[in-house]
Amino acid sequence: MKVPSNKLIDVIKYYADQLTKIYDEFESKSIMYQLIRHYFKYERIDFIKSQEIRLSESELLTIHFAVIDLLLNKPLQYVIGEAEFLDLRIKVNEHVLIPRPETEELVQLICKREAAKNRAVRILDVGCGSGCIGIALKKNLESADVYGLDISENALKLAKENSELNDAELQLINADILNETKWNDLGTYEMVVSNPPYLRESEKELMRKNVLEFEPSTALFVPDADPLLFYRKIAHFCEKHLVKNGILYFEINEAFGNETKEMLALMNFKSIELNKDINGKDRFIGAEKS
């Protein structure tokens, strides 16, 4: 790849054309604007004000190598090392999932319900990854004490960085929620929230390469034979570690909304609500401990 000139407008057009090998035209241009904004702090208005902005040789190389990574299907968020989540800047790397818009919806749902209660609350985010859920909850529910639990030490290291970056205190716990012998050390909470692994192994064939090849599979997939593995374990954990009338929130696999509701009902949860995401798919469940 050899860009015809170092004018910013030409650089964007040239590399956007290269990216159309794996993205559509609109997305390719959008990605280029995001790269330029991230690396050089230019906004689109700058391009309108000046058609003569030129990049240095080192700046050109920065864009060049970023595009090479993108053409290898590496997600943009991993290329630039961060993602946006509800107006927060969240660092991401290969040890954590890239935050999804659906998870933003889950946080918005929780905050809308909790804001009216105006109470101090202890919240546990199970499988916290980058910390995006816990950080967003802490920023919006300032009286909450938020805990993030994850099996991955690398994920917790990044969650700590993100909590400091966003000035939102998280108390982090390194533990495997599937290991019941460690539950006695984990305390009690008024709310437990989780976006656990929920994609079946058989769904891999439906996934894009940039997800399969770069995002951590342990944070994505569960065995076909036990798709509710994490939901069942977390709900069982809540039997002793969620206070009476405490609330459990899940992000779920759209294919198992009714099954997850039935499981929670059998475990004596009440006021179970199944909510759809912006695309009309079953995505969130809230339930109250009896």
Protein backbone atom coordinates (compact mmCIF):
# COMPACT_ATOMS: atom_id res chain seq x y z
CA MET A 1 0.00 0.00 0.00
CA LYS A 2 1.40 3.36 -1.02
CA VAL A 3 -0.61 6.49 -0.34
CA PRO A 4 -0.53 9.02 -3.25
CA SER A 5 0.10 12.06 -1.03
CA ASN A 6 0.37 13.02 2.63
CA LYS A 7 -2.69 15.29 2.49
CA LEU A 8 -5.09 14.12 5.15
CA ILE A 9 -8.01 14.09 2.73
CA ASP A 10 -6.05 11.81 0.36
CA VAL A 11 -4.88 9.56 3.19
CA ILE A 12 -8.44 9.01 4.36
CA LYS A 13 -9.71 8.26 0.85
CA TYR A 14 -6.84 5.90 0.02
CA TYR A 15 -7.02 3.81 3.16
CA ALA A 16 -10.82 3.82 3.24
CA ASP A 17 -10.69 2.27 -0.24
CA GLN A 18 -8.32 -0.40 1.11
CA LEU A 19 -10.70 -1.18 3.96
CA THR A 20 -13.59 -1.83 1.58
CA LYS A 21 -12.00 -5.26 1.10
CA ILE A 22 -13.64 -6.28 4.40
CA TYR A 23 -15.99 -3.39 5.31
CA ASP A 24 -18.64 -1.52 3.34
CA GLU A 25 -17.88 1.97 2.07
CA PHE A 26 -19.65 3.83 4.85
CA GLU A 27 -18.03 1.79 7.62
CA SER A 28 -14.60 2.11 5.99
CA LYS A 29 -14.82 5.90 6.00
CA SER A 30 -16.12 5.92 9.56
CA ILE A 31 -13.19 3.77 10.70
CA MET A 32 -10.71 6.13 9.07
CA TYR A 33 -12.22 9.14 10.81
CA GLN A 34 -12.02 7.28 14.11
CA LEU A 35 -8.36 6.44 13.54
CA ILE A 36 -7.53 10.04 12.71
CA ARG A 37 -9.42 11.34 15.72
CA HIS A 38 -7.77 8.82 18.05
CA TYR A 39 -4.18 9.23 16.90
CA PHE A 40 -4.05 12.91 15.93
CA LYS A 41 -7.04 14.50 17.73
CA TYR A 42 -8.51 15.86 14.51
CA GLU A 43 -12.29 16.10 14.26
CA ARG A 44 -14.36 16.10 11.08
CA ILE A 45 -14.83 19.85 11.37
CA ASP A 46 -11.06 20.20 10.98
CA PHE A 47 -11.26 18.56 7.57
CA ILE A 48 -13.89 21.04 6.48
CA LYS A 49 -11.91 24.03 7.73
CA SER A 50 -8.68 22.97 6.10
CA GLN A 51 -8.21 20.77 3.06
CA GLU A 52 -4.45 21.27 3.34
CA ILE A 53 -3.76 19.33 6.53
CA ARG A 54 -0.77 17.08 5.91
CA LEU A 55 0.54 14.15 7.90
CA SER A 56 4.20 13.62 8.72
CA GLU A 57 6.00 10.46 7.68
CA SER A 58 5.69 9.00 11.19
CA GLU A 59 1.97 9.82 11.24
CA LEU A 60 1.54 8.10 7.88
CA LEU A 61 3.27 5.00 9.25
CA THR A 62 0.97 5.00 12.26
CA ILE A 63 -2.09 4.94 10.00
CA HIS A 64 -0.47 2.43 7.64
CA PHE A 65 0.20 -0.16 10.33
CA ALA A 66 -3.22 0.38 11.90
CA VAL A 67 -4.87 -0.37 8.55
CA ILE A 68 -2.70 -3.47 8.11
CA ASP A 69 -4.03 -4.75 11.44
CA LEU A 70 -7.59 -3.94 10.41
CA LEU A 71 -7.16 -5.84 7.14
CA LEU A 72 -6.17 -8.86 9.24
CA ASN A 73 -9.64 -8.62 10.84
CA LYS A 74 -8.34 -7.16 14.09
CA PRO A 75 -11.21 -5.13 15.60
CA LEU A 76 -10.79 -1.36 15.55
CA GLN A 77 -11.11 -1.17 19.33
CA TYR A 78 -8.14 -3.51 19.79
CA VAL A 79 -6.12 -1.58 17.21
CA ILE A 80 -6.55 1.72 19.06
CA GLY A 81 -6.72 0.05 22.49
CA GLU A 82 -9.99 1.55 23.66
CA ALA A 83 -13.75 1.61 23.20
CA GLU A 84 -16.56 3.99 24.03
CA PHE A 85 -19.14 2.85 26.56
CA LEU A 86 -21.89 5.24 27.60
CA ASP A 87 -19.62 8.26 27.02
CA LEU A 88 -16.80 6.61 28.99
CA ARG A 89 -13.41 5.71 27.57
CA ILE A 90 -12.68 2.07 28.29
CA LYS A 91 -9.30 0.49 27.56
CA VAL A 92 -9.54 -2.91 25.89
CA ASN A 93 -7.10 -5.61 24.85
CA GLU A 94 -7.10 -9.29 23.90
CA HIS A 95 -7.88 -10.31 27.49
CA VAL A 96 -11.35 -8.71 27.55
CA LEU A 97 -14.40 -8.46 25.35
CA ILE A 98 -15.14 -5.29 23.46
CA PRO A 99 -18.16 -3.62 25.13
CA ARG A 100 -21.35 -4.00 23.10
CA PRO A 101 -24.28 -1.57 22.65
CA GLU A 102 -26.59 -4.18 24.20
CA THR A 103 -24.57 -4.03 27.41
CA GLU A 104 -24.97 -0.26 27.42
CA GLU A 105 -28.72 -0.86 27.33
CA LEU A 106 -28.45 -3.17 30.35
CA VAL A 107 -26.64 -0.50 32.37
CA GLN A 108 -29.16 2.15 31.32
CA LEU A 109 -32.00 -0.13 32.43
CA ILE A 110 -30.41 -0.67 35.85
CA CYS A 111 -29.60 3.00 36.36
CA LYS A 112 -33.11 4.09 35.43
CA ARG A 113 -34.60 1.77 38.03
CA GLU A 114 -32.05 2.45 40.76
CA ALA A 115 -31.88 6.22 40.41
CA ALA A 116 -35.45 6.56 41.69
CA LYS A 117 -34.63 4.52 44.82
CA ASN A 118 -31.77 6.81 45.87
CA ARG A 119 -30.20 4.21 48.16
CA ALA A 120 -26.78 2.95 49.14
CA VAL A 121 -26.28 -0.42 47.52
CA ARG A 122 -23.56 -3.03 47.20
CA ILE A 123 -23.29 -4.29 43.62
CA LEU A 124 -21.35 -7.30 42.34
CA ASP A 125 -20.52 -7.51 38.62
CA VAL A 126 -19.76 -11.17 37.88
CA GLY A 127 -17.32 -11.61 34.99
CA CYS A 128 -16.44 -7.92 34.94
CA GLY A 129 -13.85 -8.07 32.15
CA SER A 130 -12.79 -4.52 31.29
CA GLY A 131 -14.92 -3.19 34.15
CA CYS A 132 -17.24 -1.27 31.83
CA ILE A 133 -20.47 -2.30 33.58
CA GLY A 134 -19.24 -1.62 37.10
CA ILE A 135 -17.59 1.67 36.15
CA ALA A 136 -20.72 2.93 34.40
CA LEU A 137 -22.86 1.92 37.37
CA LYS A 138 -20.52 3.70 39.79
CA LYS A 139 -20.52 6.87 37.68
CA ASN A 140 -24.32 6.93 37.63
CA LEU A 141 -25.05 5.59 41.13
CA GLU A 142 -22.49 7.42 43.23
CA SER A 143 -23.71 6.01 46.56
CA ALA A 144 -23.16 2.43 45.32
CA ASP A 145 -20.21 0.29 46.35
CA VAL A 146 -19.31 -1.66 43.24
CA TYR A 147 -17.34 -4.90 43.13
CA GLY A 148 -16.00 -6.58 40.00
CA LEU A 149 -15.26 -10.31 39.93
CA ASP A 150 -13.33 -12.11 37.21
CA ILE A 151 -11.32 -15.31 36.82
CA SER A 152 -8.71 -13.52 34.67
CA GLU A 153 -5.95 -11.59 36.45
CA ASN A 154 -5.18 -9.81 33.17
CA ALA A 155 -8.78 -8.66 32.88
CA LEU A 156 -8.74 -7.37 36.46
CA LYS A 157 -5.54 -5.48 35.80
CA LEU A 158 -7.24 -3.70 32.92
CA ALA A 159 -10.40 -3.10 34.96
CA LYS A 160 -8.25 -1.39 37.59
CA GLU A 161 -6.71 0.87 34.93
CA ASN A 162 -10.16 1.72 33.61
CA SER A 163 -11.54 2.51 37.05
CA GLU A 164 -8.66 4.93 37.62
CA LEU A 165 -8.99 6.40 34.12
CA ASN A 166 -12.67 7.13 34.70
CA ASP A 167 -12.37 8.12 38.37
CA ALA A 168 -14.79 5.40 39.45
CA GLU A 169 -13.70 3.19 42.32
CA LEU A 170 -14.12 -0.54 41.79
CA GLN A 171 -13.23 -3.18 44.34
CA LEU A 172 -11.86 -6.11 42.36
CA ILE A 173 -11.99 -9.82 43.18
CA ASN A 174 -10.00 -12.57 41.46
CA ALA A 175 -12.23 -15.66 41.61
CA ASP A 176 -13.99 -18.27 39.49
CA ILE A 177 -17.75 -18.01 40.02
CA LEU A 178 -18.07 -21.67 38.98
CA ASN A 179 -15.95 -22.73 41.97
CA GLU A 180 -18.43 -22.92 44.84
CA THR A 181 -15.71 -23.56 47.44
CA LYS A 182 -14.66 -19.90 47.15
CA TRP A 183 -18.14 -18.40 47.59
CA ASN A 184 -17.91 -18.01 51.36
CA ASP A 185 -15.26 -15.31 50.88
CA LEU A 186 -17.41 -13.14 48.61
CA GLY A 187 -19.82 -11.37 50.96
CA THR A 188 -23.42 -10.29 50.32
CA TYR A 189 -24.93 -7.75 47.95
CA GLU A 190 -28.12 -5.86 47.21
CA MET A 191 -27.57 -6.35 43.49
CA VAL A 192 -25.76 -8.86 41.31
CA VAL A 193 -25.31 -8.16 37.60
CA SER A 194 -23.66 -10.28 34.96
CA ASN A 195 -23.06 -10.49 31.23
CA PRO A 196 -21.55 -13.98 31.33
CA PRO A 197 -20.43 -16.23 28.46
CA TYR A 198 -23.64 -17.25 26.69
CA LEU A 199 -22.91 -18.14 23.07
CA ARG A 200 -23.04 -21.83 22.28
CA GLU A 201 -20.03 -23.47 20.64
CA SER A 202 -22.25 -24.27 17.66
CA GLU A 203 -22.83 -20.55 17.09
CA LYS A 204 -19.19 -20.01 16.15
CA GLU A 205 -19.97 -20.57 12.50
CA LEU A 206 -22.24 -17.52 12.60
CA MET A 207 -19.60 -15.22 14.08
CA ARG A 208 -17.43 -12.73 12.22
CA LYS A 209 -13.72 -13.44 11.94
CA ASN A 210 -12.76 -10.34 13.91
CA VAL A 211 -14.63 -11.78 16.92
CA LEU A 212 -13.50 -15.39 16.62
CA GLU A 213 -9.85 -14.65 15.97
CA PHE A 214 -9.27 -11.87 18.48
CA GLU A 215 -11.77 -11.78 21.34
CA PRO A 216 -11.23 -14.18 24.28
CA SER A 217 -13.27 -17.33 23.63
CA THR A 218 -13.59 -18.11 27.35
CA ALA A 219 -15.60 -14.89 27.75
CA LEU A 220 -17.89 -15.76 24.84
CA PHE A 221 -18.74 -19.45 24.64
CA VAL A 222 -20.39 -22.17 26.70
CA PRO A 223 -20.92 -25.85 25.86
CA ASP A 224 -23.94 -26.62 23.68
CA ALA A 225 -24.99 -29.20 26.25
CA ASP A 226 -25.21 -26.61 29.06
CA PRO A 227 -26.05 -23.16 27.65
CA LEU A 228 -27.32 -21.87 31.02
CA LEU A 229 -24.21 -22.93 32.94
CA PHE A 230 -23.21 -19.48 34.19
CA TYR A 231 -26.80 -18.31 34.79
CA ARG A 232 -27.56 -21.33 36.94
CA LYS A 233 -24.34 -20.97 38.96
CA ILE A 234 -24.79 -17.25 39.51
CA ALA A 235 -28.41 -17.68 40.53
CA HIS A 236 -27.34 -20.43 42.93
CA PHE A 237 -24.67 -18.07 44.31
CA CYS A 238 -27.39 -15.47 44.88
CA GLU A 239 -29.36 -17.85 47.10
CA LYS A 240 -26.96 -17.01 49.93
CA HIS A 241 -25.11 -13.92 48.72
CA LEU A 242 -27.96 -11.74 47.49
CA VAL A 243 -29.95 -10.14 50.31
CA LYS A 244 -33.69 -10.65 50.64
CA ASN A 245 -35.48 -8.66 47.91
CA GLY A 246 -32.11 -8.09 46.24
CA ILE A 247 -32.07 -7.79 42.46
CA LEU A 248 -30.32 -9.99 39.91
CA TYR A 249 -29.73 -8.69 36.37
CA PHE A 250 -28.53 -10.75 33.41
CA GLU A 251 -27.68 -10.10 29.81
CA ILE A 252 -28.75 -13.26 28.01
CA ASN A 253 -28.65 -15.26 24.80
CA GLU A 254 -31.75 -14.31 22.83
CA ALA A 255 -32.45 -18.01 22.18
CA PHE A 256 -32.90 -18.82 25.88
CA GLY A 257 -35.07 -16.06 27.31
CA ASN A 258 -37.94 -18.29 28.41
CA GLU A 259 -35.62 -21.03 29.62
CA THR A 260 -33.72 -18.54 31.80
CA LYS A 261 -36.98 -17.19 33.22
CA GLU A 262 -38.18 -20.70 34.05
CA MET A 263 -34.89 -21.55 35.73
CA LEU A 264 -35.08 -18.45 37.94
CA ALA A 265 -38.70 -19.18 38.84
CA LEU A 266 -37.75 -22.70 39.93
CA MET A 267 -35.03 -21.17 42.11
CA ASN A 268 -37.64 -19.04 43.89
CA PHE A 269 -36.92 -15.69 42.29
CA LYS A 270 -39.92 -13.42 41.82
CA SER A 271 -40.93 -10.40 39.72
CA ILE A 272 -38.98 -11.89 36.82
CA GLU A 273 -38.93 -9.56 33.81
CA LEU A 274 -37.66 -10.43 30.35
CA ASN A 275 -36.75 -7.32 28.34
CA LYS A 276 -35.88 -6.87 24.70
CA ASP A 277 -32.95 -4.91 23.31
CA ILE A 278 -33.18 -2.13 20.74
CA ASN A 279 -33.32 -4.76 17.98
CA GLY A 280 -36.36 -6.44 19.51
CA LYS A 281 -34.45 -9.50 20.76
CA ASP A 282 -34.82 -11.03 24.22
CA ARG A 283 -31.66 -9.71 25.91
CA PHE A 284 -32.11 -8.77 29.59
CA ILE A 285 -33.64 -10.38 32.65
CA GLY A 286 -34.25 -8.77 36.03
CA ALA A 287 -35.41 -10.84 38.99
CA GLU A 288 -35.96 -10.28 42.70
CA LYS A 289 -34.87 -12.72 45.37
CA SER A 290 -37.77 -14.11 47.35
